[in-house]
Protein backbone atom coordinates (compact mmCIF):
# COMPACT_ATOMS: atom_id res chain seq x y z
CA MET A 1 22.53 12.48 34.30
CA ARG A 2 21.53 8.85 33.80
CA THR A 3 23.33 6.88 31.11
CA ILE A 4 21.22 5.21 28.45
CA PRO A 5 21.99 1.47 28.23
CA PRO A 6 23.85 0.60 25.00
CA HIS A 7 21.12 -1.71 23.66
CA ILE A 8 18.51 1.04 24.08
CA ALA A 9 20.77 3.67 22.53
CA GLN A 10 21.27 1.39 19.53
CA CYS A 11 17.51 1.12 19.04
CA LEU A 12 17.16 4.90 19.24
CA ARG A 13 19.84 5.38 16.57
CA ARG A 14 18.42 2.80 14.20
CA GLU A 15 17.17 4.29 10.96
CA THR A 16 13.83 3.18 9.62
CA PRO A 17 14.36 0.77 6.68
CA ARG A 18 12.54 1.96 3.59
CA ARG A 19 11.65 0.70 0.14
CA PRO A 20 11.10 3.15 -2.76
CA LEU A 21 7.72 3.08 -4.48
CA GLY A 22 9.07 4.60 -7.71
CA PRO A 23 8.18 8.29 -8.20
CA ALA A 24 11.10 10.46 -7.14
CA ALA A 25 8.96 13.20 -5.58
CA LEU A 26 6.88 10.74 -3.56
CA ASP A 27 9.90 8.76 -2.34
CA ALA A 28 11.72 11.96 -1.39
CA HIS A 29 8.69 13.09 0.61
CA LEU A 30 8.74 9.72 2.40
CA GLN A 31 12.43 10.25 3.19
CA GLY A 32 13.55 7.51 0.83
CA GLY A 33 10.47 5.35 0.45
CA ILE A 34 7.79 3.59 2.44
CA ALA A 35 8.82 2.10 5.79
CA THR A 36 9.30 -1.67 5.77
CA ASP A 37 8.80 -2.08 9.52
CA ALA A 38 5.46 -0.34 9.97
CA LEU A 39 1.69 -0.53 9.68
CA HIS A 40 0.24 1.37 6.72
CA ASP A 41 -3.45 2.28 6.50
CA MET A 42 -4.85 2.17 2.93
CA LEU A 43 -8.27 3.79 2.67
CA ALA A 44 -10.54 3.77 -0.38
CA ALA A 45 -12.17 7.21 -0.56
CA THR A 46 -15.55 5.63 -1.46
CA PRO A 47 -16.72 2.06 -2.08
CA ASP A 48 -16.46 2.82 -5.81
CA ASP A 49 -12.75 3.53 -5.32
CA LEU A 50 -12.01 0.15 -3.75
CA ALA A 51 -10.55 -1.28 -6.96
CA ALA A 52 -8.13 1.67 -7.13
CA ALA A 53 -7.21 1.16 -3.46
CA ILE A 54 -6.61 -2.54 -4.07
CA ALA A 55 -4.30 -1.67 -6.99
CA PHE A 56 -2.24 0.78 -4.92
CA THR A 57 -2.10 -1.55 -1.92
CA ALA A 58 -1.15 -4.60 -4.00
CA GLY A 59 1.54 -2.63 -5.84
CA THR A 60 2.90 -1.33 -2.54
CA ALA A 61 2.89 -4.84 -1.07
CA ALA A 62 4.88 -6.06 -4.08
CA ARG A 63 7.48 -3.34 -3.52
CA LEU A 64 7.70 -4.09 0.21
CA ALA A 65 7.90 -7.86 -0.10
CA GLY A 66 10.51 -8.14 -2.83
CA ALA A 67 10.74 -11.82 -3.77
CA ARG A 68 9.20 -13.08 -0.51
CA PRO A 69 5.60 -14.35 -0.23
CA ILE A 70 2.65 -12.16 0.77
CA LEU A 71 -0.25 -13.20 2.96
CA TRP A 72 -3.55 -11.59 1.92
CA VAL A 73 -6.34 -11.99 4.47
CA ARG A 74 -9.80 -11.09 3.16
CA GLN A 75 -13.06 -11.01 5.05
CA ASP A 76 -15.76 -13.11 3.40
CA ALA A 77 -17.88 -10.00 2.83
CA ALA A 78 -15.09 -8.37 0.82
CA GLU A 79 -14.89 -11.41 -1.43
CA GLN A 80 -18.65 -11.50 -1.90
CA LEU A 81 -19.29 -7.78 -2.43
CA SER A 82 -16.17 -6.56 -4.26
CA GLY A 83 -15.34 -9.74 -6.16
CA ALA A 84 -12.55 -12.31 -6.16
CA LEU A 85 -8.93 -11.40 -6.79
CA HIS A 86 -7.97 -11.55 -10.48
CA ALA A 87 -4.69 -13.36 -11.07
CA PRO A 88 -3.74 -11.63 -14.38
CA GLY A 89 -4.39 -8.23 -12.81
CA LEU A 90 -2.19 -9.06 -9.83
CA ALA A 91 0.55 -10.27 -12.17
CA ALA A 92 0.40 -6.91 -14.01
CA LEU A 93 1.04 -5.23 -10.65
CA GLY A 94 4.20 -7.23 -10.15
CA LEU A 95 2.55 -9.77 -7.87
CA ASP A 96 3.08 -13.33 -9.02
CA PRO A 97 -0.15 -15.07 -7.92
CA ALA A 98 1.99 -18.03 -6.83
CA ARG A 99 3.57 -15.78 -4.18
CA ILE A 100 0.22 -14.85 -2.63
CA LEU A 101 -1.15 -16.91 0.23
CA LEU A 102 -4.85 -16.07 0.26
CA VAL A 103 -6.83 -16.55 3.47
CA ARG A 104 -10.55 -15.93 3.81
CA ALA A 105 -11.93 -15.14 7.26
CA ARG A 106 -15.51 -14.96 8.49
CA ASP A 107 -15.41 -11.62 10.29
CA ALA A 108 -13.16 -8.70 11.25
CA PRO A 109 -11.80 -10.29 14.47
CA ALA A 110 -10.75 -13.38 12.51
CA VAL A 111 -9.09 -11.19 9.86
CA LEU A 112 -7.14 -9.31 12.54
CA ARG A 113 -6.06 -12.48 14.34
CA ALA A 114 -4.83 -14.12 11.15
CA GLY A 115 -2.95 -10.99 10.06
CA LEU A 116 -1.40 -10.50 13.49
CA ASP A 117 -0.18 -14.09 13.76
CA ALA A 118 1.25 -13.97 10.23
CA ALA A 119 3.10 -10.71 10.81
CA ARG A 120 4.63 -11.99 14.02
CA SER A 121 5.94 -15.12 12.30
CA GLY A 122 8.62 -13.28 10.31
CA ALA A 123 8.24 -15.78 7.47
CA LEU A 124 6.62 -13.40 4.96
CA GLY A 125 7.54 -10.37 2.90
CA ALA A 126 4.33 -8.50 3.72
CA VAL A 127 0.89 -9.03 5.24
CA LEU A 128 -2.18 -7.44 3.66
CA ILE A 129 -5.40 -7.54 5.67
CA GLU A 130 -8.76 -6.57 4.23
CA PRO A 131 -11.62 -6.35 6.73
CA TRP A 132 -14.99 -5.13 5.50
CA GLY A 133 -16.74 -2.04 6.79
CA GLU A 134 -16.10 -0.03 9.94
CA SER A 135 -15.84 -2.71 12.58
CA ARG A 136 -15.67 -1.76 16.27
CA HIS A 137 -12.92 -4.37 16.56
CA LEU A 138 -10.64 -2.23 14.39
CA ASP A 139 -9.79 0.12 17.25
CA MET A 140 -6.60 1.73 18.53
CA THR A 141 -5.70 -1.32 20.63
CA ALA A 142 -5.98 -3.66 17.65
CA THR A 143 -3.94 -1.40 15.38
CA ARG A 144 -1.26 -0.96 18.06
CA ARG A 145 -0.83 -4.73 18.10
CA LEU A 146 -0.54 -4.73 14.31
CA ALA A 147 1.97 -1.88 14.43
CA LEU A 148 4.15 -3.79 16.89
CA ALA A 149 3.98 -6.93 14.75
CA ALA A 150 4.85 -4.85 11.68
CA ALA A 151 8.32 -4.30 13.14
CA THR A 152 8.91 -7.89 11.99
CA THR A 153 6.81 -7.88 8.81
CA PRO A 154 5.22 -4.83 7.13
CA VAL A 155 1.42 -4.77 7.42
CA LEU A 156 -1.00 -3.08 5.02
CA LEU A 157 -4.54 -2.46 6.28
CA LEU A 158 -6.90 -2.10 3.30
CA ARG A 159 -10.47 -0.91 3.80
CA ALA A 160 -13.19 1.44 2.61
CA GLY A 161 -14.87 3.97 4.84
CA SER A 162 -14.16 7.04 6.91
CA PRO A 163 -10.81 7.49 8.70
CA MET A 164 -10.70 5.86 12.13
CA PRO A 165 -8.14 6.23 14.94
CA SER A 166 -5.21 3.90 14.36
CA ALA A 167 -1.54 3.42 15.19
CA ALA A 168 -0.51 3.32 11.52
CA ALA A 169 2.72 5.05 10.53
CA THR A 170 1.10 6.30 7.33
CA ARG A 171 -2.46 6.64 6.13
CA TRP A 172 -3.33 6.94 2.44
CA ARG A 173 -6.62 7.85 0.78
CA ILE A 174 -6.94 6.48 -2.75
CA ARG A 175 -9.31 7.48 -5.53
CA ALA A 176 -9.62 6.34 -9.11
CA ALA A 177 -8.55 9.01 -11.61
CA PRO A 178 -8.95 9.51 -15.38
CA SER A 179 -6.08 7.88 -17.25
CA ARG A 180 -4.58 8.22 -20.72
CA PRO A 181 -4.92 5.25 -23.08
CA ARG A 182 -1.96 2.93 -23.52
CA PRO A 183 -0.56 1.56 -26.77
CA ALA A 184 -2.92 -0.77 -28.68
CA ARG A 185 -5.79 1.01 -26.89
CA ALA A 186 -5.14 -0.89 -23.70
CA PRO A 187 -6.90 0.73 -20.72
CA GLY A 188 -4.85 2.91 -18.44
CA ALA A 189 -4.96 2.88 -14.66
CA ALA A 190 -4.44 6.18 -12.85
CA LEU A 191 -4.73 6.68 -9.10
CA HIS A 192 -5.10 9.83 -7.03
CA VAL A 193 -3.15 9.06 -3.85
CA GLU A 194 -3.26 11.38 -0.83
CA LEU A 195 -1.00 11.02 2.21
CA LEU A 196 -3.26 11.83 5.17
CA ARG A 197 -0.82 10.84 7.91
CA HIS A 198 2.95 10.52 8.10
CA ARG A 199 4.28 10.02 11.61
CA GLN A 200 7.89 10.65 10.58
CA GLY A 201 7.23 13.45 8.11
CA ILE A 202 4.72 15.87 6.68
CA PRO A 203 1.23 14.71 5.60
CA GLY A 204 -1.19 16.52 3.33
CA ARG A 205 0.45 15.80 -0.03
CA ALA A 206 -1.17 14.12 -3.03
CA TRP A 207 0.12 12.54 -6.24
CA LEU A 208 -1.42 11.30 -9.47
CA LEU A 209 0.17 7.91 -10.15
CA GLU A 210 0.14 5.22 -12.79
CA TRP A 211 1.61 1.73 -12.63
CA ASP A 212 4.52 0.90 -14.92
CA ASP A 213 4.06 -2.71 -16.05
CA GLU A 214 7.61 -3.02 -17.37
CA GLN A 215 9.51 -1.54 -14.42
CA ARG A 216 7.00 -2.91 -11.89
CA GLU A 217 6.77 0.36 -10.00
CA PHE A 218 4.58 3.43 -9.68
CA ARG A 219 5.26 6.52 -11.76
CA THR A 220 3.75 9.97 -11.66
CA ALA A 221 1.13 10.36 -14.36
CA GLN A 222 3.21 13.14 -15.96
CA ASP A 223 6.24 10.83 -16.23
CA ALA A 224 4.09 8.06 -17.65
CA GLY A 225 2.60 10.52 -20.15
CA ASP A 226 6.06 11.68 -21.25
CA ALA A 227 7.19 8.10 -21.81
CA PHE A 228 4.00 7.31 -23.74
CA SER A 229 4.37 10.40 -25.94
CA ALA A 230 8.04 9.65 -26.61
CA SER A 231 7.18 6.09 -27.67
CA ARG A 232 4.82 7.56 -30.30
CA GLY A 233 7.27 10.25 -31.41
CA ARG A 234 5.20 13.13 -30.05
CA ALA A 235 5.99 15.95 -27.68
CA PRO A 236 4.46 15.57 -24.22
CA VAL A 237 1.43 17.67 -23.41
CA ALA A 238 2.23 20.42 -20.94
CA ARG A 239 0.13 20.62 -17.80
CA ALA A 240 -0.78 23.67 -15.82
CA GLY A 241 0.83 24.09 -12.42
């Protein structure tokens, strides 16, 4: 029997570093949280769900990056068709706009090149790349390169469209969901999040999440509803199932 060299054996024993997203059930399903050394594919279920996908991706990036800066690479078409990033909204998701380095690129190849170079640098907390549409350049080879670079810096691939082959460790499909009102009639923000792929675990699970502005983390909608009801001195509404 051949002996495995010590440096290779050490790599094989290394546990994947993870960062919790907030909800206990979701983090437990992810074996402690989302991997910090991987590529994650964030997919808006429809173009109308892109705002919800941006919210989930931005919140996840904030959790992954900690206090380090985030590079957000957007294709020009995304900026033109879905609108510019809104600084107060990002701040509500725990992302200080001053920590975001925003890069606009002409086309998908330029988006991928900028994201790849940034991830390889090791100088950032996370890299978020947002190409527009289903580009032929976003193939398995391109995502393998991103996955390798993500071993240094986590990479989030945000897009709308149908699932495409990729080397991502996880793939998420995000939809907007009805939300309960917040105090002072502030609008709520609920997300239906489905885990389509999990290379180190079991896919096929879905959660209804809301963002907690105070704790700067996601919560299940039931937990958020309980906290809201308690703050108003009412019993939480029971849900079927």
